[in-house]
Amino acid sequence: MALADYIFKKPVIDTERLTIRPMCVGDVPALKEWLPDPSVYTYWGKEPSKSEKNPEMLFANEQKPTKSFHLGIALKDGDKVVGDIYVYLIENDRMASIAIRLAPSCQKKGYGTEALSAMTAFCFENTELQRLWTEVDVRNIPSQRMLEKCGYTREGLIRQGKMVNAWCDYYIYGKLATD
């Protein structure tokens, strides 16, 4: 399969404890529990947007077809969305950026590692992507550990660079399909 096969129908990925899937209006109550929380944005590079503060706005307009993924991370027990994962900034169908965030109540339980590992494997096994990369604030030690557990390599340090809307020191992590 190829990225083009997922333009209109996004994947559903099951792991031992999670389902990574497209989000829907029914997820708004769960999203309202954590998405507006300012602590989620400590190392995200920006403050919560209007739609992140009011998650129902995420579903107000029809989504445009895209090769990018923005999927919810739901607990299999109850199907509650407790995080989200992005694959975006796709270049020539060969490389893309990946980002993940979790509700504070679901951090430090291995869910991030489980979701990132599954999404990474999906991209390399089911699309033509050959490289995934991400940026992580140097102060965000838990995310660095998660990336390293998932086989991502710290490739460099950007000093006082712009990460989304924040000026900070950040690392570039990457993983190749051949790693």
C-alpha atoms as a PDB file:
ATOM      1  CA  MET A   1       0.000   0.000   0.000  1.00  0.00           C
ATOM      2  CA  ALA A   2       0.996   3.636  -0.253  1.00  0.00           C
ATOM      3  CA  LEU A   3       0.264   6.947   1.462  1.00  0.00           C
ATOM      4  CA  ALA A   4      -2.158   7.709  -1.368  1.00  0.00           C
ATOM      5  CA  ASP A   5      -4.266   4.718  -0.251  1.00  0.00           C
ATOM      6  CA  TYR A   6      -4.946   6.497   3.064  1.00  0.00           C
ATOM      7  CA  ILE A   7      -6.022   9.892   1.727  1.00  0.00           C
ATOM      8  CA  PHE A   8      -9.723   9.197   2.240  1.00  0.00           C
ATOM      9  CA  LYS A   9      -9.698   6.286   4.697  1.00  0.00           C
ATOM     10  CA  LYS A  10      -7.302   6.583   7.607  1.00  0.00           C
ATOM     11  CA  PRO A  11      -5.917   3.430   9.247  1.00  0.00           C
ATOM     12  CA  VAL A  12      -6.924   1.799  12.506  1.00  0.00           C
ATOM     13  CA  ILE A  13      -3.981   0.267  14.353  1.00  0.00           C
ATOM     14  CA  ASP A  14      -4.455  -2.070  17.299  1.00  0.00           C
ATOM     15  CA  THR A  15      -1.835  -2.736  19.961  1.00  0.00           C
ATOM     16  CA  GLU A  16      -2.071  -4.725  23.166  1.00  0.00           C
ATOM     17  CA  ARG A  17      -3.721  -1.894  25.138  1.00  0.00           C
ATOM     18  CA  LEU A  18      -4.528   0.772  22.545  1.00  0.00           C
ATOM     19  CA  THR A  19      -6.407   1.501  19.355  1.00  0.00           C
ATOM     20  CA  ILE A  20      -4.933   4.233  17.179  1.00  0.00           C
ATOM     21  CA  ARG A  21      -7.786   5.492  15.057  1.00  0.00           C
ATOM     22  CA  PRO A  22      -9.464   8.471  13.450  1.00  0.00           C
ATOM     23  CA  MET A  23     -11.221  10.655  15.991  1.00  0.00           C
ATOM     24  CA  CYS A  24     -14.906  11.562  15.777  1.00  0.00           C
ATOM     25  CA  VAL A  25     -17.447  13.888  17.410  1.00  0.00           C
ATOM     26  CA  GLY A  26     -18.114  11.183  20.009  1.00  0.00           C
ATOM     27  CA  ASP A  27     -14.575  11.710  21.304  1.00  0.00           C
ATOM     28  CA  VAL A  28     -15.216  15.346  22.313  1.00  0.00           C
ATOM     29  CA  PRO A  29     -16.001  14.596  26.000  1.00  0.00           C
ATOM     30  CA  ALA A  30     -12.745  12.648  26.375  1.00  0.00           C
ATOM     31  CA  LEU A  31     -10.772  15.333  24.514  1.00  0.00           C
ATOM     32  CA  LYS A  32     -12.226  18.050  26.773  1.00  0.00           C
ATOM     33  CA  GLU A  33     -10.701  16.252  29.769  1.00  0.00           C
ATOM     34  CA  TRP A  34      -7.110  16.754  28.652  1.00  0.00           C
ATOM     35  CA  LEU A  35      -6.672  18.667  25.385  1.00  0.00           C
ATOM     36  CA  PRO A  36      -7.182  22.181  26.886  1.00  0.00           C
ATOM     37  CA  ASP A  37      -4.840  21.410  29.834  1.00  0.00           C
ATOM     38  CA  PRO A  38      -1.898  23.885  29.637  1.00  0.00           C
ATOM     39  CA  SER A  39       0.502  21.244  31.011  1.00  0.00           C
ATOM     40  CA  VAL A  40       0.065  19.260  27.768  1.00  0.00           C
ATOM     41  CA  TYR A  41       1.735  22.176  25.955  1.00  0.00           C
ATOM     42  CA  THR A  42       4.774  22.644  28.222  1.00  0.00           C
ATOM     43  CA  TYR A  43       7.121  21.246  25.536  1.00  0.00           C
ATOM     44  CA  TRP A  44       4.744  21.343  22.542  1.00  0.00           C
ATOM     45  CA  GLY A  45       6.105  24.651  21.254  1.00  0.00           C
ATOM     46  CA  LYS A  46       2.846  26.592  21.509  1.00  0.00           C
ATOM     47  CA  GLU A  47      -0.148  27.330  23.694  1.00  0.00           C
ATOM     48  CA  PRO A  48      -3.437  25.478  23.135  1.00  0.00           C
ATOM     49  CA  SER A  49      -5.283  26.753  20.067  1.00  0.00           C
ATOM     50  CA  LYS A  50      -8.922  27.807  20.037  1.00  0.00           C
ATOM     51  CA  SER A  51      -9.949  24.369  18.736  1.00  0.00           C
ATOM     52  CA  GLU A  52      -7.790  22.592  21.337  1.00  0.00           C
ATOM     53  CA  LYS A  53      -9.507  24.602  24.064  1.00  0.00           C
ATOM     54  CA  ASN A  54     -12.878  23.746  22.487  1.00  0.00           C
ATOM     55  CA  PRO A  55     -12.432  20.262  20.946  1.00  0.00           C
ATOM     56  CA  GLU A  56     -15.880  20.266  19.333  1.00  0.00           C
ATOM     57  CA  MET A  57     -14.404  22.786  16.878  1.00  0.00           C
ATOM     58  CA  LEU A  58     -12.092  20.051  15.551  1.00  0.00           C
ATOM     59  CA  PHE A  59     -15.145  18.459  13.953  1.00  0.00           C
ATOM     60  CA  ALA A  60     -17.015  21.607  12.861  1.00  0.00           C
ATOM     61  CA  ASN A  61     -15.685  21.506   9.298  1.00  0.00           C
ATOM     62  CA  GLU A  62     -15.275  18.585   6.962  1.00  0.00           C
ATOM     63  CA  GLN A  63     -11.673  17.407   6.903  1.00  0.00           C
ATOM     64  CA  LYS A  64      -9.816  17.894   3.633  1.00  0.00           C
ATOM     65  CA  PRO A  65      -8.325  14.755   2.079  1.00  0.00           C
ATOM     66  CA  THR A  66      -4.625  14.493   2.914  1.00  0.00           C
ATOM     67  CA  LYS A  67      -1.797  11.994   3.063  1.00  0.00           C
ATOM     68  CA  SER A  68      -1.039  13.183   6.610  1.00  0.00           C
ATOM     69  CA  PHE A  69      -2.385  11.349   9.651  1.00  0.00           C
ATOM     70  CA  HIS A  70      -3.874  12.865  12.794  1.00  0.00           C
ATOM     71  CA  LEU A  71      -5.169   9.939  14.813  1.00  0.00           C
ATOM     72  CA  GLY A  72      -6.485   9.497  18.309  1.00  0.00           C
ATOM     73  CA  ILE A  73      -4.886   7.149  20.814  1.00  0.00           C
ATOM     74  CA  ALA A  74      -7.717   5.317  22.577  1.00  0.00           C
ATOM     75  CA  LEU A  75      -7.561   2.863  25.443  1.00  0.00           C
ATOM     76  CA  LYS A  76      -8.966  -0.492  24.348  1.00  0.00           C
ATOM     77  CA  ASP A  77     -10.714  -0.686  27.696  1.00  0.00           C
ATOM     78  CA  GLY A  78     -13.552   1.777  27.073  1.00  0.00           C
ATOM     79  CA  ASP A  79     -12.340   3.280  23.759  1.00  0.00           C
ATOM     80  CA  LYS A  80     -11.534   6.612  25.471  1.00  0.00           C
ATOM     81  CA  VAL A  81      -9.172   8.901  23.521  1.00  0.00           C
ATOM     82  CA  VAL A  82      -6.261   9.765  25.811  1.00  0.00           C
ATOM     83  CA  GLY A  83      -3.821  11.146  23.261  1.00  0.00           C
ATOM     84  CA  ASP A  84      -3.141  11.849  19.640  1.00  0.00           C
ATOM     85  CA  ILE A  85      -0.407  11.152  17.129  1.00  0.00           C
ATOM     86  CA  TYR A  86       0.499  12.978  13.954  1.00  0.00           C
ATOM     87  CA  VAL A  87       2.397  12.015  10.806  1.00  0.00           C
ATOM     88  CA  TYR A  88       2.749  15.203   8.788  1.00  0.00           C
ATOM     89  CA  LEU A  89       5.113  17.412   6.765  1.00  0.00           C
ATOM     90  CA  ILE A  90       5.391  14.554   4.290  1.00  0.00           C
ATOM     91  CA  GLU A  91       8.111  15.189   1.721  1.00  0.00           C
ATOM     92  CA  ASN A  92       8.064  13.325  -1.595  1.00  0.00           C
ATOM     93  CA  ASP A  93       6.271  10.389   0.082  1.00  0.00           C
ATOM     94  CA  ARG A  94       9.680   9.473   1.501  1.00  0.00           C
ATOM     95  CA  MET A  95       9.992  11.238   4.850  1.00  0.00           C
ATOM     96  CA  ALA A  96       7.657  12.748   7.407  1.00  0.00           C
ATOM     97  CA  SER A  97       7.577  14.307  10.828  1.00  0.00           C
ATOM     98  CA  ILE A  98       5.886  12.482  13.694  1.00  0.00           C
ATOM     99  CA  ALA A  99       4.520  13.904  16.950  1.00  0.00           C
ATOM    100  CA  ILE A 100       2.639  12.458  19.891  1.00  0.00           C
ATOM    101  CA  ARG A 101       0.990  13.775  23.041  1.00  0.00           C
ATOM    102  CA  LEU A 102      -0.898  12.128  25.881  1.00  0.00           C
ATOM    103  CA  ALA A 103      -3.256  13.187  28.612  1.00  0.00           C
ATOM    104  CA  PRO A 104      -1.277  13.874  31.808  1.00  0.00           C
ATOM    105  CA  SER A 105      -3.177  11.077  33.590  1.00  0.00           C
ATOM    106  CA  CYS A 106      -1.931   8.571  30.984  1.00  0.00           C
ATOM    107  CA  GLN A 107       1.726   9.535  30.952  1.00  0.00           C
ATOM    108  CA  LYS A 108       4.407   7.287  32.465  1.00  0.00           C
ATOM    109  CA  LYS A 109       2.368   4.136  31.752  1.00  0.00           C
ATOM    110  CA  GLY A 110       4.057   3.089  28.511  1.00  0.00           C
ATOM    111  CA  TYR A 111       1.156   4.190  26.306  1.00  0.00           C
ATOM    112  CA  GLY A 112       3.314   6.674  24.414  1.00  0.00           C
ATOM    113  CA  THR A 113       5.972   4.070  23.655  1.00  0.00           C
ATOM    114  CA  GLU A 114       3.302   1.576  22.598  1.00  0.00           C
ATOM    115  CA  ALA A 115       1.562   4.077  20.305  1.00  0.00           C
ATOM    116  CA  LEU A 116       4.760   5.501  18.797  1.00  0.00           C
ATOM    117  CA  SER A 117       6.164   2.027  18.123  1.00  0.00           C
ATOM    118  CA  ALA A 118       2.942   0.936  16.440  1.00  0.00           C
ATOM    119  CA  MET A 119       2.619   4.081  14.316  1.00  0.00           C
ATOM    120  CA  THR A 120       6.270   3.900  13.280  1.00  0.00           C
ATOM    121  CA  ALA A 121       5.928   0.246  12.275  1.00  0.00           C
ATOM    122  CA  PHE A 122       2.720   1.006  10.388  1.00  0.00           C
ATOM    123  CA  CYS A 123       4.398   3.797   8.394  1.00  0.00           C
ATOM    124  CA  PHE A 124       7.394   1.683   7.434  1.00  0.00           C
ATOM    125  CA  GLU A 125       5.415  -1.484   6.687  1.00  0.00           C
ATOM    126  CA  ASN A 126       2.363   0.020   4.946  1.00  0.00           C
ATOM    127  CA  THR A 127       3.597   3.144   3.170  1.00  0.00           C
ATOM    128  CA  GLU A 128       6.603   4.155   1.130  1.00  0.00           C
ATOM    129  CA  LEU A 129       7.967   6.340   3.960  1.00  0.00           C
ATOM    130  CA  GLN A 130      11.645   5.637   4.601  1.00  0.00           C
ATOM    131  CA  ARG A 131      12.358   8.187   7.345  1.00  0.00           C
ATOM    132  CA  LEU A 132      10.446   9.592  10.303  1.00  0.00           C
ATOM    133  CA  TRP A 133      11.789  12.480  12.340  1.00  0.00           C
ATOM    134  CA  THR A 134      10.736  14.691  15.213  1.00  0.00           C
ATOM    135  CA  GLU A 135      11.845  17.609  17.330  1.00  0.00           C
ATOM    136  CA  VAL A 136      11.935  17.419  21.128  1.00  0.00           C
ATOM    137  CA  ASP A 137      12.723  20.164  23.635  1.00  0.00           C
ATOM    138  CA  VAL A 138      15.993  19.356  25.438  1.00  0.00           C
ATOM    139  CA  ARG A 139      14.147  19.674  28.781  1.00  0.00           C
ATOM    140  CA  ASN A 140      11.628  16.976  27.820  1.00  0.00           C
ATOM    141  CA  ILE A 141      13.514  13.956  29.160  1.00  0.00           C
ATOM    142  CA  PRO A 142      10.503  11.558  29.171  1.00  0.00           C
ATOM    143  CA  SER A 143       9.915  12.113  25.439  1.00  0.00           C
ATOM    144  CA  GLN A 144      13.612  11.561  24.707  1.00  0.00           C
ATOM    145  CA  ARG A 145      13.476   8.245  26.578  1.00  0.00           C
ATOM    146  CA  MET A 146      10.318   7.210  24.721  1.00  0.00           C
ATOM    147  CA  LEU A 147      11.882   7.991  21.343  1.00  0.00           C
ATOM    148  CA  GLU A 148      15.023   6.056  22.196  1.00  0.00           C
ATOM    149  CA  LYS A 149      12.969   3.040  23.388  1.00  0.00           C
ATOM    150  CA  CYS A 150      11.253   3.134  19.984  1.00  0.00           C
ATOM    151  CA  GLY A 151      14.593   3.046  18.154  1.00  0.00           C
ATOM    152  CA  TYR A 152      14.837   6.708  17.215  1.00  0.00           C
ATOM    153  CA  THR A 153      18.350   8.167  17.114  1.00  0.00           C
ATOM    154  CA  ARG A 154      19.293  11.598  18.406  1.00  0.00           C
ATOM    155  CA  GLU A 155      20.725  13.170  15.278  1.00  0.00           C
ATOM    156  CA  GLY A 156      21.483  16.692  16.367  1.00  0.00           C
ATOM    157  CA  LEU A 157      20.929  19.706  18.562  1.00  0.00           C
ATOM    158  CA  ILE A 158      19.391  22.935  17.371  1.00  0.00           C
ATOM    159  CA  ARG A 159      20.438  25.765  19.675  1.00  0.00           C
ATOM    160  CA  GLN A 160      17.868  28.511  20.228  1.00  0.00           C
ATOM    161  CA  GLY A 161      15.853  27.402  17.223  1.00  0.00           C
ATOM    162  CA  LYS A 162      12.157  27.877  16.615  1.00  0.00           C
ATOM    163  CA  MET A 163      10.152  24.800  17.510  1.00  0.00           C
ATOM    164  CA  VAL A 164       6.607  25.574  16.322  1.00  0.00           C
ATOM    165  CA  ASN A 165       6.233  28.994  18.024  1.00  0.00           C
ATOM    166  CA  ALA A 166       8.761  28.645  20.851  1.00  0.00           C
ATOM    167  CA  TRP A 167      12.430  29.575  20.764  1.00  0.00           C
ATOM    168  CA  CYS A 168      14.387  26.901  22.613  1.00  0.00           C
ATOM    169  CA  ASP A 169      17.132  24.335  22.362  1.00  0.00           C
ATOM    170  CA  TYR A 170      15.784  21.133  20.844  1.00  0.00           C
ATOM    171  CA  TYR A 171      17.000  17.802  19.571  1.00  0.00           C
ATOM    172  CA  ILE A 172      16.246  16.238  16.223  1.00  0.00           C
ATOM    173  CA  TYR A 173      15.458  12.528  16.436  1.00  0.00           C
ATOM    174  CA  GLY A 174      15.084  10.292  13.421  1.00  0.00           C
ATOM    175  CA  LYS A 175      14.444   6.714  12.432  1.00  0.00           C
ATOM    176  CA  LEU A 176      14.917   5.009   9.076  1.00  0.00           C
ATOM    177  CA  ALA A 177      12.940   2.066   7.771  1.00  0.00           C
ATOM    178  CA  THR A 178      16.252   0.210   7.606  1.00  0.00           C
ATOM    179  CA  ASP A 179      17.127   0.806  11.290  1.00  0.00           C
END
